[in-house]
Amino acid sequence: MTAEEFKRRWESTADDRLNAFPENSLSDVRVPRGARAFLIEAGLPDSAAPFLPFDPPKKGTLPRFRLCGTSHPHLAATES
């Protein structure tokens, strides 16, 4: 299923919509190309229960947060 097909099916209900991410918001995010393309073309739902929003940033790149108690280099991102 393509990102476009997924978006069309997801948004077939009036209350369900996806938020596509601006390409520049993912410019320094390390994710596979397919995931990056999906986020740009289809996006993520507005939110998920309980109270987890998926809004893309209004400007710039995605914020970074430090995960405490991890020694894995890919998980130990720093705040920006």
Protein backbone atom coordinates (compact mmCIF):
# COMPACT_ATOMS: atom_id res chain seq x y z
CA MET A 1 0.00 0.00 0.00
CA THR A 2 1.39 3.39 -0.91
CA ALA A 3 1.37 6.40 1.41
CA GLU A 4 -1.27 7.97 -0.83
CA GLU A 5 -3.53 4.89 -0.60
CA PHE A 6 -3.07 4.76 3.17
CA LYS A 7 -3.98 8.42 3.52
CA ARG A 8 -7.05 8.05 1.31
CA ARG A 9 -8.31 5.08 3.36
CA TRP A 10 -7.50 6.66 6.71
CA GLU A 11 -9.24 9.90 5.83
CA SER A 12 -12.34 8.21 4.42
CA THR A 13 -14.01 8.98 7.77
CA ALA A 14 -14.73 12.67 8.26
CA ASP A 15 -13.19 12.85 11.75
CA ASP A 16 -9.94 11.05 10.88
CA ARG A 17 -7.17 13.02 9.29
CA LEU A 18 -3.42 12.70 8.97
CA ASN A 19 -0.80 15.41 9.44
CA ALA A 20 1.94 15.32 6.84
CA PHE A 21 5.35 16.51 8.00
CA PRO A 22 7.19 19.24 6.10
CA GLU A 23 10.31 17.78 4.48
CA ASN A 24 12.57 20.28 6.26
CA SER A 25 11.26 19.14 9.67
CA LEU A 26 12.86 15.75 9.04
CA SER A 27 16.11 17.00 7.50
CA ASP A 28 18.31 15.89 10.41
CA VAL A 29 16.22 12.97 11.66
CA ARG A 30 17.76 9.53 11.20
CA VAL A 31 14.96 7.30 9.93
CA PRO A 32 14.81 4.96 6.92
CA ARG A 33 13.99 6.63 3.59
CA GLY A 34 10.67 4.80 3.37
CA ALA A 35 9.59 6.07 6.79
CA ARG A 36 10.69 9.61 5.90
CA ALA A 37 8.73 9.46 2.63
CA PHE A 38 5.65 8.13 4.45
CA LEU A 39 5.76 10.95 7.03
CA ILE A 40 6.08 13.56 4.26
CA GLU A 41 3.45 12.06 1.94
CA ALA A 42 0.86 10.64 4.38
CA GLY A 43 1.85 11.71 7.88
CA LEU A 44 0.56 10.59 11.25
CA PRO A 45 -2.86 10.84 12.89
CA ASP A 46 -3.72 14.00 14.82
CA SER A 47 -3.34 12.12 18.08
CA ALA A 48 -3.56 8.80 19.86
CA ALA A 49 -5.00 7.91 23.23
CA PRO A 50 -4.27 8.96 25.85
CA PHE A 51 -3.35 12.52 24.91
CA LEU A 52 -0.41 11.79 22.59
CA PRO A 53 -0.29 14.44 19.83
CA PHE A 54 1.57 13.90 16.53
CA ASP A 55 1.64 17.45 15.21
CA PRO A 56 4.57 18.35 12.97
CA PRO A 57 6.64 21.33 14.13
CA LYS A 58 5.40 24.75 13.00
CA LYS A 59 8.96 25.57 11.90
CA GLY A 60 12.39 23.97 11.98
CA THR A 61 13.16 20.34 12.69
CA LEU A 62 11.65 17.94 15.19
CA PRO A 63 12.64 18.61 18.82
CA ARG A 64 15.09 16.21 20.47
CA PHE A 65 14.83 14.76 23.94
CA ARG A 66 17.33 12.92 26.07
CA LEU A 67 16.32 9.43 27.10
CA CYS A 68 17.61 8.78 30.59
CA GLY A 69 19.16 5.47 31.54
CA THR A 70 20.11 4.30 28.05
CA SER A 71 23.56 3.58 26.72
CA HIS A 72 22.47 2.88 23.15
CA PRO A 73 23.97 5.66 20.97
CA HIS A 74 20.92 5.93 18.69
CA LEU A 75 18.55 6.30 21.63
CA ALA A 76 20.62 8.81 23.59
CA ALA A 77 19.52 11.84 21.56
CA THR A 78 20.17 15.26 23.02
CA GLU A 79 17.72 18.09 23.51
CA SER A 80 17.78 20.88 20.99
